[in-house]
Protein backbone atom coordinates (compact mmCIF):
# COMPACT_ATOMS: atom_id res chain seq x y z
CA MET A 1 11.17 -67.92 44.66
CA ARG A 2 8.64 -66.49 47.07
CA TRP A 3 10.46 -63.12 47.19
CA ARG A 4 10.65 -62.94 43.44
CA CYS A 5 6.90 -63.31 43.15
CA ALA A 6 6.34 -60.60 45.72
CA LEU A 7 8.55 -58.14 43.83
CA ALA A 8 6.85 -58.91 40.54
CA LEU A 9 3.39 -58.27 41.97
CA LEU A 10 4.35 -55.01 43.72
CA PRO A 11 3.90 -52.76 40.64
CA LEU A 12 0.58 -54.39 39.84
CA LEU A 13 -0.69 -53.68 43.34
CA LEU A 14 0.38 -50.03 43.17
CA TYR A 15 -1.43 -49.43 39.86
CA ALA A 16 -4.49 -51.23 41.16
CA GLN A 17 -4.60 -48.85 44.14
CA GLU A 18 -4.32 -45.81 41.81
CA ASP A 19 -7.28 -47.12 39.80
CA VAL A 20 -9.38 -47.21 42.93
CA LEU A 21 -8.50 -43.63 43.85
CA ARG A 22 -8.90 -42.37 40.23
CA PRO A 23 -11.79 -44.24 38.56
CA ARG A 24 -10.68 -43.04 35.09
CA GLY A 25 -7.27 -44.59 35.43
CA ALA A 26 -3.75 -43.19 35.74
CA PRO A 27 -3.02 -39.68 34.36
CA VAL A 28 -1.68 -39.32 30.82
CA PHE A 29 1.05 -36.72 30.34
CA GLU A 30 0.88 -34.86 26.98
CA PRO A 31 3.46 -32.48 25.50
CA TRP A 32 2.89 -28.74 26.05
CA THR A 33 0.75 -27.06 23.37
CA GLU A 34 -0.04 -23.40 22.67
CA ALA A 35 -3.33 -21.93 23.88
CA ARG A 36 -6.10 -22.34 21.30
CA THR A 37 -6.94 -18.63 21.51
CA PRO A 38 -3.53 -16.97 21.93
CA ILE A 39 -2.67 -13.27 21.95
CA ARG A 40 0.16 -12.27 19.63
CA LEU A 41 2.10 -9.04 19.11
CA GLY A 42 3.80 -8.32 15.79
CA LEU A 43 6.17 -5.86 14.14
CA GLU A 44 6.01 -5.73 10.34
CA GLY A 45 7.96 -3.99 7.60
CA GLY A 46 8.02 -4.15 3.83
CA ILE A 47 6.99 -2.44 0.62
CA SER A 48 3.83 -1.08 -0.93
CA TRP A 49 3.28 -1.31 -4.68
CA ASN A 50 0.90 1.47 -5.74
CA SER A 51 -1.12 1.98 -8.92
CA ALA A 52 -2.96 5.22 -9.72
CA SER A 53 -5.28 6.03 -12.61
CA GLN A 54 -7.71 8.72 -13.75
CA SER A 55 -9.42 9.87 -16.92
CA ILE A 56 -8.49 13.09 -18.75
CA ASN A 57 -11.50 14.52 -20.58
CA TYR A 58 -11.29 17.39 -23.08
CA TYR A 59 -14.44 19.53 -22.85
CA ALA A 60 -14.19 20.90 -26.37
CA GLY A 61 -14.15 17.41 -27.84
CA VAL A 62 -10.75 18.07 -29.38
CA GLN A 63 -8.36 15.25 -28.49
CA PRO A 64 -4.76 16.23 -29.27
CA THR A 65 -3.15 13.65 -31.58
CA PRO A 66 -0.47 12.65 -30.85
CA PRO A 67 -1.03 13.23 -27.12
CA THR A 68 0.59 16.11 -25.25
CA PRO A 69 2.71 15.79 -22.06
CA MET A 70 -0.48 16.06 -20.02
CA ASP A 71 -1.27 12.50 -21.10
CA ILE A 72 1.22 11.02 -18.60
CA PHE A 73 -1.09 11.99 -15.71
CA LYS A 74 -3.61 9.32 -16.75
CA SER A 75 -1.75 6.68 -14.76
CA GLY A 76 1.24 5.98 -12.57
CA SER A 77 2.82 3.33 -10.36
CA GLY A 78 5.58 3.03 -7.81
CA ILE A 79 7.04 1.26 -4.78
CA SER A 80 7.30 2.80 -1.31
CA PRO A 81 7.97 1.66 2.29
CA ALA A 82 5.45 0.43 4.85
CA ALA A 83 5.72 -0.56 8.54
CA ALA A 84 3.25 -1.41 11.31
CA ALA A 85 2.77 -2.71 14.84
CA ALA A 86 -0.08 -5.18 15.25
CA VAL A 87 -1.90 -7.31 17.79
CA ASP A 88 -3.79 -10.56 17.12
CA ILE A 89 -6.39 -11.66 19.67
CA GLY A 90 -7.73 -15.18 19.34
CA ILE A 91 -11.50 -15.46 19.84
CA ALA A 92 -12.01 -19.09 18.72
CA PRO A 93 -9.78 -22.01 17.66
CA LYS A 94 -9.63 -20.73 14.04
CA LEU A 95 -10.75 -17.12 14.43
CA GLY A 96 -9.09 -13.96 15.69
CA LEU A 97 -9.19 -10.18 15.55
CA GLN A 98 -6.21 -8.19 14.30
CA PHE A 99 -5.56 -4.49 14.92
CA LYS A 100 -2.68 -2.51 13.42
CA LEU A 101 -1.19 0.95 13.60
CA GLY A 102 1.44 1.83 11.04
CA TYR A 103 3.08 4.13 8.54
CA GLU A 104 2.56 3.78 4.80
CA GLN A 105 4.02 5.91 2.06
CA LYS A 106 2.16 6.03 -1.25
CA LYS A 107 4.35 7.00 -4.19
CA TRP A 108 3.59 6.78 -7.89
CA SER A 109 5.06 8.20 -11.07
CA ASN A 110 4.93 7.99 -14.85
CA SER A 111 7.09 8.99 -17.81
CA GLY A 112 6.73 9.30 -21.55
CA THR A 113 7.75 11.18 -24.65
CA LYS A 114 4.93 13.40 -25.88
CA ILE A 115 4.42 16.15 -28.49
CA ALA A 116 4.11 19.92 -27.99
CA ASP A 117 3.95 22.91 -30.35
CA CYS A 118 7.11 24.95 -30.85
CA GLU A 119 6.75 28.48 -32.23
CA ASP A 120 9.78 30.40 -33.49
CA PRO A 121 10.14 34.22 -33.37
CA PHE A 122 8.67 34.45 -36.89
CA GLY A 123 5.44 32.66 -35.98
CA ASN A 124 6.31 29.34 -37.59
CA VAL A 125 4.97 26.34 -35.61
CA SER A 126 6.48 22.85 -35.61
CA PRO A 127 6.00 19.80 -33.36
CA VAL A 128 8.70 18.99 -30.82
CA SER A 129 9.26 15.92 -28.62
CA VAL A 130 9.16 16.51 -24.87
CA GLN A 131 10.39 13.89 -22.41
CA SER A 132 7.93 14.17 -19.53
CA HIS A 133 7.97 12.76 -15.99
CA TYR A 134 5.99 13.28 -12.78
CA THR A 135 6.07 11.86 -9.24
CA VAL A 136 3.52 12.09 -6.41
CA GLN A 137 4.38 11.15 -2.82
CA ALA A 138 2.06 11.06 0.20
CA ASN A 139 2.66 9.79 3.74
CA TYR A 140 -0.13 8.21 5.76
CA LEU A 141 -0.87 6.97 9.26
CA ALA A 142 -2.55 3.60 8.68
CA ILE A 143 -5.14 2.24 11.13
CA GLY A 144 -6.74 -1.13 10.48
CA ALA A 145 -8.90 -3.87 11.99
CA ALA A 146 -9.49 -7.29 10.49
CA LEU A 147 -11.09 -10.66 11.11
CA ARG A 148 -8.60 -13.53 10.85
CA TYR A 149 -9.53 -17.06 9.75
CA ASP A 150 -7.02 -19.92 9.84
CA LEU A 151 -7.11 -22.10 6.73
CA THR A 152 -4.43 -24.32 8.30
CA PRO A 153 -2.38 -23.97 11.52
CA GLN A 154 0.13 -21.91 9.48
CA LEU A 155 -1.92 -20.25 6.68
CA TRP A 156 -4.53 -17.58 7.41
CA LEU A 157 -6.72 -14.97 5.72
CA THR A 158 -7.72 -11.52 7.00
CA VAL A 159 -10.36 -9.06 5.84
CA GLY A 160 -11.46 -5.75 7.35
CA PRO A 161 -11.62 -1.95 7.15
CA VAL A 162 -8.60 0.35 6.94
CA TYR A 163 -8.23 4.11 7.38
CA HIS A 164 -5.40 6.31 6.10
CA ARG A 165 -4.75 9.72 7.67
CA LEU A 166 -2.59 12.07 5.61
CA LEU A 167 0.58 13.20 7.37
CA GLY A 168 1.69 16.65 6.24
CA LYS A 169 1.25 17.55 2.58
CA VAL A 170 1.33 15.73 -0.74
CA ARG A 171 4.51 16.41 -2.70
CA GLN A 172 4.41 16.51 -6.51
CA THR A 173 7.32 17.04 -8.90
CA GLU A 174 7.29 17.42 -12.68
CA ARG A 175 10.15 17.46 -15.17
CA TYR A 176 10.00 18.28 -18.88
CA GLU A 177 12.96 18.13 -21.26
CA VAL A 178 12.84 19.30 -24.88
CA ASP A 179 14.50 17.25 -27.60
CA PRO A 180 18.16 18.37 -27.61
CA ASN A 181 18.16 18.33 -31.44
CA SER A 182 15.48 21.01 -31.46
CA ASP A 183 15.98 24.79 -31.28
CA CYS A 184 13.01 25.07 -28.91
CA GLY A 185 13.04 25.61 -25.17
CA PHE A 186 11.12 26.94 -22.22
CA PRO A 187 11.36 30.73 -21.72
CA GLY A 188 12.92 31.67 -18.39
CA PRO A 189 12.41 34.83 -16.32
CA ASP A 190 15.63 36.22 -17.81
CA GLY A 191 14.31 35.88 -21.35
CA ASN A 192 16.57 32.94 -22.27
CA LEU A 193 15.37 29.55 -23.46
CA TYR A 194 16.00 26.43 -21.36
CA ARG A 195 15.65 22.82 -22.45
CA VAL A 196 14.57 21.59 -19.02
CA LEU A 197 11.58 22.75 -16.97
CA GLU A 198 11.18 21.50 -13.39
CA ILE A 199 8.14 22.12 -11.19
CA GLU A 200 7.76 21.20 -7.51
CA ALA A 201 4.74 21.73 -5.27
CA GLU A 202 3.44 20.68 -1.85
CA ILE A 203 -0.32 20.72 -1.38
CA GLY A 204 -2.32 20.06 1.79
CA PRO A 205 -6.01 19.37 2.46
CA ASP A 206 -6.60 22.96 3.60
CA ASP A 207 -4.77 24.72 0.78
CA PRO A 208 -6.91 27.02 -1.43
CA VAL A 209 -6.94 24.86 -4.58
CA SER A 210 -9.90 23.50 -6.51
CA ALA A 211 -9.29 19.82 -5.63
CA PRO A 212 -6.97 19.44 -2.61
CA PRO A 213 -5.76 16.04 -1.38
CA SER A 214 -8.02 14.09 0.95
CA GLY A 215 -7.15 14.38 4.62
CA GLY A 216 -8.41 10.85 5.25
CA ARG A 217 -9.22 7.77 3.18
CA PHE A 218 -11.47 4.82 4.07
CA GLY A 219 -11.38 1.42 2.47
CA ALA A 220 -10.93 -2.33 2.83
CA GLU A 221 -7.92 -4.63 3.07
CA LEU A 222 -7.70 -8.34 2.22
CA GLY A 223 -4.61 -10.25 3.31
CA ILE A 224 -3.01 -13.68 3.47
CA GLY A 225 -0.22 -14.67 5.84
CA TYR A 226 1.91 -17.69 6.67
CA ARG A 227 3.39 -18.50 10.09
CA ILE A 228 6.94 -19.86 10.16
CA PRO A 229 7.83 -21.04 13.72
CA LEU A 230 11.26 -19.93 14.88
CA SER A 231 11.02 -21.02 18.53
CA PRO A 232 8.22 -21.52 21.09
CA GLY A 233 6.18 -18.32 21.06
CA LEU A 234 8.15 -16.70 18.20
CA GLU A 235 7.12 -16.70 14.52
CA LEU A 236 8.21 -15.16 11.24
CA VAL A 237 5.16 -14.11 9.21
CA PRO A 238 5.28 -13.06 5.54
CA ARG A 239 2.05 -11.33 4.54
CA LEU A 240 0.53 -10.23 1.22
CA SER A 241 -2.29 -7.67 1.38
CA GLY A 242 -4.41 -5.77 -1.13
CA GLN A 243 -5.95 -2.37 -0.37
CA LEU A 244 -8.92 -0.67 -2.01
CA LEU A 245 -9.51 2.84 -0.63
CA SER A 246 -11.36 6.02 -1.53
CA SER A 247 -9.73 8.64 -3.76
CA PRO A 248 -6.63 10.45 -2.47
CA ARG A 249 -8.06 13.68 -3.92
CA ASN A 250 -11.18 15.66 -3.04
CA GLY A 251 -13.07 16.07 -6.29
CA ASP A 252 -11.89 16.52 -9.87
CA VAL A 253 -9.44 19.01 -11.36
CA ASP A 254 -10.50 21.53 -14.02
CA THR A 255 -7.52 22.92 -15.92
CA ARG A 256 -6.28 23.74 -19.42
CA ASP A 257 -3.87 21.99 -21.76
CA TRP A 258 -1.51 24.65 -23.19
CA TRP A 259 0.96 22.31 -24.88
CA ARG A 260 -0.70 22.71 -28.31
CA GLY A 261 -1.63 26.35 -27.78
CA PRO A 262 -0.29 27.80 -31.09
CA THR A 263 -2.33 25.36 -33.23
CA LEU A 264 -5.29 24.29 -31.06
CA GLY A 265 -5.44 27.01 -28.42
CA PRO A 266 -5.80 26.36 -24.70
CA LEU A 267 -7.99 23.25 -24.34
CA PRO A 268 -10.32 22.97 -21.29
CA VAL A 269 -9.63 19.68 -19.53
CA GLN A 270 -10.96 17.79 -16.53
CA TRP A 271 -8.92 15.24 -14.57
CA LYS A 272 -11.64 12.92 -13.27
CA GLY A 273 -11.95 9.97 -10.89
CA LEU A 274 -8.47 9.57 -9.44
CA SER A 275 -8.10 6.12 -7.86
CA LEU A 276 -5.18 4.58 -5.99
CA TYR A 277 -4.77 0.87 -5.28
CA SER A 278 -1.99 -0.77 -3.29
CA VAL A 279 -0.52 -4.25 -2.74
CA LEU A 280 1.61 -4.65 0.40
CA LEU A 281 4.31 -7.30 0.87
CA THR A 282 5.57 -7.35 4.44
CA VAL A 283 7.53 -9.63 6.76
CA GLY A 284 6.76 -9.58 10.47
CA VAL A 285 8.11 -10.99 13.71
CA TRP A 286 5.26 -12.14 15.98
CA PHE A 287 5.46 -12.94 19.70
CA THR A 288 2.91 -15.04 21.55
CA ILE A 289 2.22 -13.55 24.98
CA GLN A 290 -0.58 -15.87 26.07
């Protein structure tokens, strides 16, 4: 019985000695947790939905009714690819700074059936339907910085400036097709009439045109992301971002609308205030390195 009591008291004596050496008591072992201000690296890819708009003003006050094929240039939209490499540096438990370097393509287009004048060899003029379509495509180097705020451990918001640098030239294509039931067409260099007219051009910031594309665009980006843990230090992050940047064109375009030439004459026109907005949906893989 004496030995049993000695064995039972042995653990109590050991813990009592530890309390003397460590006044706050025995150590408490907690599970490993991530640093409160980690550094993360991410690779993202996805799509950019783009929306462009501008006003078309007729100087002479004569608004063609119904509208001519030029009317399709008032607006456009499209989807294009986007990719980026990013770094997130924690500066406080819920705050961080994000920096990204990426590639973004901006592409938009529009289509519609409009009305033009058709003049036969005898001078008779009649309206004809023209199926019209245009596409604009520009490639940009995207550089951004943002402040991140964590709403929850998984959900966060970002806001900050973004800069787009034009890569190469802006490519624009146009296609016009006359109603196949009509006897009208577009005169070719050989004197024959063709039902389809296709135009393609590439324009850069330094080309000698009245309103070349902008070489660089500044703006702001607002985003929201959600962290999905895959393993310790590895996350899948879907992100939704909205971009508001300066115009992709330097100035306004002064031109003429010739589509109703036989009845209205060439109409002086100004394409004014081109704007381009984008919404990005990306998915990224993020690695915690600290």
